[in-house]
């Protein structure tokens, strides 16, 4: 009877250890993924900032060219008259 109890106790201990080990591995994997996502977020934020600067610059250039063309068009009309 004590052998059965001892075997059952060992089996239960092994299952608990295995479950704990599995949870530990899962937790480590989750931490690894979290680190990866943080790095990706950092990279994407930097990339988005660069795109925002480029968009702002390009918009400014477009407005400048449109103003110049409007000025040139008005100036050429005045010269004809």
N, C-alpha and C. Protein backbone atom coordinates (compact mmCIF):
# COMPACT_ATOMS: atom_id res chain seq x y z
N UNK A 1 0.81 -1.18 0.00
CA UNK A 1 0.00 0.00 0.00
C UNK A 1 0.87 1.26 0.00
N UNK A 2 1.93 1.23 0.79
CA UNK A 2 2.80 2.40 0.82
C UNK A 2 3.52 2.58 -0.51
N UNK A 3 3.80 1.47 -1.22
CA UNK A 3 4.42 1.59 -2.54
C UNK A 3 3.49 2.28 -3.53
N UNK A 4 2.19 1.92 -3.46
CA UNK A 4 1.22 2.57 -4.34
C UNK A 4 1.13 4.06 -4.03
N UNK A 5 1.09 4.37 -2.75
CA UNK A 5 1.00 5.77 -2.34
C UNK A 5 2.25 6.52 -2.78
N UNK A 6 3.40 5.89 -2.60
CA UNK A 6 4.67 6.51 -2.98
C UNK A 6 4.74 6.70 -4.49
N UNK A 7 4.32 5.71 -5.25
CA UNK A 7 4.33 5.80 -6.71
C UNK A 7 3.37 6.88 -7.18
N UNK A 8 2.20 6.92 -6.55
CA UNK A 8 1.21 7.93 -6.90
C UNK A 8 1.73 9.34 -6.59
N UNK A 9 2.40 9.48 -5.45
CA UNK A 9 2.97 10.76 -5.05
C UNK A 9 4.05 11.19 -6.03
N UNK A 10 4.92 10.25 -6.43
CA UNK A 10 5.97 10.56 -7.41
C UNK A 10 5.37 10.98 -8.75
N UNK A 11 4.34 10.26 -9.16
CA UNK A 11 3.69 10.58 -10.43
C UNK A 11 3.07 11.98 -10.38
N UNK A 12 2.41 12.29 -9.28
CA UNK A 12 1.81 13.61 -9.10
C UNK A 12 2.89 14.69 -9.09
N UNK A 13 3.99 14.42 -8.40
CA UNK A 13 5.09 15.39 -8.36
C UNK A 13 5.66 15.62 -9.74
N UNK A 14 5.83 14.55 -10.52
CA UNK A 14 6.35 14.69 -11.88
C UNK A 14 5.40 15.49 -12.76
N UNK A 15 4.10 15.25 -12.62
CA UNK A 15 3.11 16.00 -13.40
C UNK A 15 3.17 17.49 -13.03
N UNK A 16 3.23 17.77 -11.73
CA UNK A 16 3.30 19.16 -11.28
C UNK A 16 4.58 19.82 -11.78
N UNK A 17 5.70 19.10 -11.70
CA UNK A 17 6.97 19.63 -12.19
C UNK A 17 6.89 19.91 -13.68
N UNK A 18 6.31 18.96 -14.40
CA UNK A 18 6.18 19.11 -15.85
C UNK A 18 5.29 20.30 -16.19
N UNK A 19 4.20 20.45 -15.45
CA UNK A 19 3.30 21.58 -15.67
C UNK A 19 4.00 22.89 -15.35
N UNK A 20 4.73 22.94 -14.26
CA UNK A 20 5.47 24.14 -13.88
C UNK A 20 6.54 24.48 -14.93
N UNK A 21 7.22 23.44 -15.40
CA UNK A 21 8.25 23.64 -16.41
C UNK A 21 7.63 24.18 -17.70
N UNK A 22 6.47 23.63 -18.07
CA UNK A 22 5.77 24.07 -19.27
C UNK A 22 5.33 25.53 -19.12
N UNK A 23 4.82 25.89 -17.95
CA UNK A 23 4.41 27.28 -17.72
C UNK A 23 5.62 28.20 -17.78
N UNK A 24 6.73 27.75 -17.23
CA UNK A 24 7.96 28.54 -17.26
C UNK A 24 8.44 28.79 -18.67
N UNK A 25 8.42 27.74 -19.49
CA UNK A 25 8.82 27.89 -20.90
C UNK A 25 7.88 28.82 -21.65
N UNK A 26 6.58 28.67 -21.35
CA UNK A 26 5.59 29.52 -22.00
C UNK A 26 5.80 30.99 -21.62
N UNK A 27 6.08 31.22 -20.35
CA UNK A 27 6.33 32.58 -19.87
C UNK A 27 7.58 33.18 -20.53
N UNK A 28 8.64 32.37 -20.63
CA UNK A 28 9.86 32.84 -21.30
C UNK A 28 9.59 33.19 -22.76
N UNK A 29 8.79 32.35 -23.42
CA UNK A 29 8.44 32.61 -24.82
C UNK A 29 7.63 33.89 -24.95
N UNK A 30 6.73 34.12 -24.03
CA UNK A 30 5.92 35.34 -24.05
C UNK A 30 6.81 36.58 -23.85
N UNK A 31 7.78 36.48 -22.95
CA UNK A 31 8.72 37.58 -22.73
C UNK A 31 9.56 37.84 -23.99
N UNK A 32 9.98 36.76 -24.64
CA UNK A 32 10.76 36.89 -25.87
C UNK A 32 9.94 37.60 -26.95
N UNK A 33 8.68 37.21 -27.09
CA UNK A 33 7.81 37.85 -28.08
C UNK A 33 7.56 39.31 -27.74
N UNK A 34 7.38 39.59 -26.46
CA UNK A 34 7.16 40.97 -26.02
C UNK A 34 8.35 41.85 -26.36
N UNK A 35 9.55 41.33 -26.11
CA UNK A 35 10.77 42.08 -26.45
C UNK A 35 10.82 42.36 -27.96
N UNK A 36 10.49 41.36 -28.74
CA UNK A 36 10.48 41.51 -30.19
C UNK A 36 9.48 42.54 -30.65
N UNK A 37 8.31 42.54 -30.03
CA UNK A 37 7.29 43.53 -30.40
C UNK A 37 7.69 44.94 -29.98
N UNK A 38 8.34 45.07 -28.83
CA UNK A 38 8.83 46.38 -28.41
C UNK A 38 9.85 46.91 -29.42
N UNK A 39 10.75 46.05 -29.85
CA UNK A 39 11.76 46.46 -30.83
C UNK A 39 11.11 46.87 -32.15
N UNK A 40 10.12 46.09 -32.57
CA UNK A 40 9.42 46.40 -33.82
C UNK A 40 8.68 47.73 -33.69
N UNK A 41 8.03 47.96 -32.55
CA UNK A 41 7.32 49.22 -32.33
C UNK A 41 8.29 50.41 -32.38
N UNK A 42 9.44 50.25 -31.75
CA UNK A 42 10.46 51.31 -31.76
C UNK A 42 10.89 51.62 -33.20
N UNK A 43 11.15 50.57 -33.96
CA UNK A 43 11.57 50.73 -35.36
C UNK A 43 10.47 51.41 -36.18
N UNK A 44 9.23 50.97 -36.00
CA UNK A 44 8.12 51.54 -36.77
C UNK A 44 7.87 53.00 -36.40
N UNK A 45 8.02 53.34 -35.12
CA UNK A 45 7.85 54.75 -34.72
C UNK A 45 8.91 55.62 -35.40
N UNK A 46 10.15 55.15 -35.41
CA UNK A 46 11.21 55.91 -36.07
C UNK A 46 10.95 56.06 -37.56
N UNK A 47 10.50 54.97 -38.16
CA UNK A 47 10.20 55.00 -39.59
C UNK A 47 9.03 55.95 -39.87
N UNK A 48 8.01 55.93 -39.02
CA UNK A 48 6.87 56.81 -39.19
C UNK A 48 7.28 58.27 -39.03
N UNK A 49 8.14 58.57 -38.09
CA UNK A 49 8.64 59.94 -37.93
C UNK A 49 9.35 60.41 -39.20
N UNK A 50 10.16 59.53 -39.78
CA UNK A 50 10.87 59.88 -41.02
C UNK A 50 9.87 60.14 -42.15
N UNK A 51 8.84 59.31 -42.25
CA UNK A 51 7.82 59.49 -43.29
C UNK A 51 7.07 60.80 -43.06
N UNK A 52 6.73 61.10 -41.80
CA UNK A 52 6.04 62.36 -41.50
C UNK A 52 6.88 63.57 -41.92
N UNK A 53 8.18 63.52 -41.64
CA UNK A 53 9.06 64.63 -42.04
C UNK A 53 9.10 64.76 -43.55
N UNK A 54 9.19 63.64 -44.24
CA UNK A 54 9.23 63.66 -45.70
C UNK A 54 7.93 64.21 -46.28
N UNK A 55 6.80 63.80 -45.72
CA UNK A 55 5.50 64.28 -46.19
C UNK A 55 5.39 65.79 -45.98
N UNK A 56 5.81 66.26 -44.81
CA UNK A 56 5.77 67.69 -44.51
C UNK A 56 6.65 68.46 -45.50
N UNK A 57 7.85 67.94 -45.74
CA UNK A 57 8.77 68.60 -46.67
C UNK A 57 8.21 68.62 -48.08
N UNK A 58 7.69 67.50 -48.52
CA UNK A 58 7.13 67.41 -49.88
C UNK A 58 5.93 68.33 -50.03
N UNK A 59 5.07 68.39 -49.01
CA UNK A 59 3.92 69.28 -49.04
C UNK A 59 4.37 70.74 -49.15
N UNK A 60 5.39 71.09 -48.41
CA UNK A 60 5.93 72.45 -48.46
C UNK A 60 6.48 72.76 -49.85
N UNK A 61 7.18 71.81 -50.45
CA UNK A 61 7.73 72.01 -51.79
C UNK A 61 6.61 72.18 -52.82
N UNK A 62 5.56 71.38 -52.69
CA UNK A 62 4.42 71.48 -53.62
C UNK A 62 3.77 72.85 -53.51
N UNK A 63 3.53 73.28 -52.27
CA UNK A 63 2.91 74.60 -52.07
C UNK A 63 3.80 75.71 -52.62
N UNK A 64 5.10 75.59 -52.43
CA UNK A 64 6.03 76.57 -52.97
C UNK A 64 5.98 76.62 -54.49
N UNK A 65 5.98 75.47 -55.12
CA UNK A 65 5.91 75.42 -56.59
C UNK A 65 4.58 75.95 -57.11
N UNK A 66 3.49 75.61 -56.40
CA UNK A 66 2.18 76.10 -56.82
C UNK A 66 2.13 77.63 -56.71
N UNK A 67 2.69 78.16 -55.64
CA UNK A 67 2.72 79.62 -55.47
C UNK A 67 3.56 80.26 -56.56
N UNK A 68 4.69 79.66 -56.86
CA UNK A 68 5.57 80.18 -57.90
C UNK A 68 4.87 80.16 -59.25
N UNK A 69 4.21 79.05 -59.56
CA UNK A 69 3.51 78.95 -60.85
C UNK A 69 2.38 79.98 -60.93
N UNK A 70 1.67 80.16 -59.83
CA UNK A 70 0.59 81.15 -59.82
C UNK A 70 1.16 82.54 -60.03
N UNK A 71 2.27 82.83 -59.36
CA UNK A 71 2.94 84.12 -59.50
C UNK A 71 3.42 84.31 -60.95
N UNK A 72 4.04 83.27 -61.49
CA UNK A 72 4.56 83.35 -62.86
C UNK A 72 3.43 83.52 -63.86
N UNK A 73 2.32 82.85 -63.63
CA UNK A 73 1.17 82.96 -64.52
C UNK A 73 0.59 84.38 -64.47
N UNK A 74 0.43 84.91 -63.28
CA UNK A 74 -0.07 86.28 -63.12
C UNK A 74 0.90 87.29 -63.72
N UNK A 75 2.19 87.07 -63.52
CA UNK A 75 3.20 87.97 -64.04
C UNK A 75 3.20 87.98 -65.57
N UNK A 76 3.03 86.80 -66.18
CA UNK A 76 3.02 86.73 -67.65
C UNK A 76 1.76 87.39 -68.21
N UNK A 77 0.66 87.33 -67.50
CA UNK A 77 -0.57 88.00 -67.94
C UNK A 77 -0.41 89.51 -67.89
N UNK A 78 0.25 89.99 -66.84
CA UNK A 78 0.46 91.43 -66.68
C UNK A 78 1.40 91.95 -67.76
N UNK A 79 2.39 91.15 -68.15
CA UNK A 79 3.36 91.61 -69.15
C UNK A 79 2.70 91.72 -70.52
N UNK A 80 1.72 90.92 -70.78
CA UNK A 80 1.05 90.96 -72.08
C UNK A 80 0.19 92.21 -72.22
N UNK A 81 -0.31 92.70 -71.15
CA UNK A 81 -1.23 93.85 -71.23
C UNK A 81 -0.52 95.12 -71.34
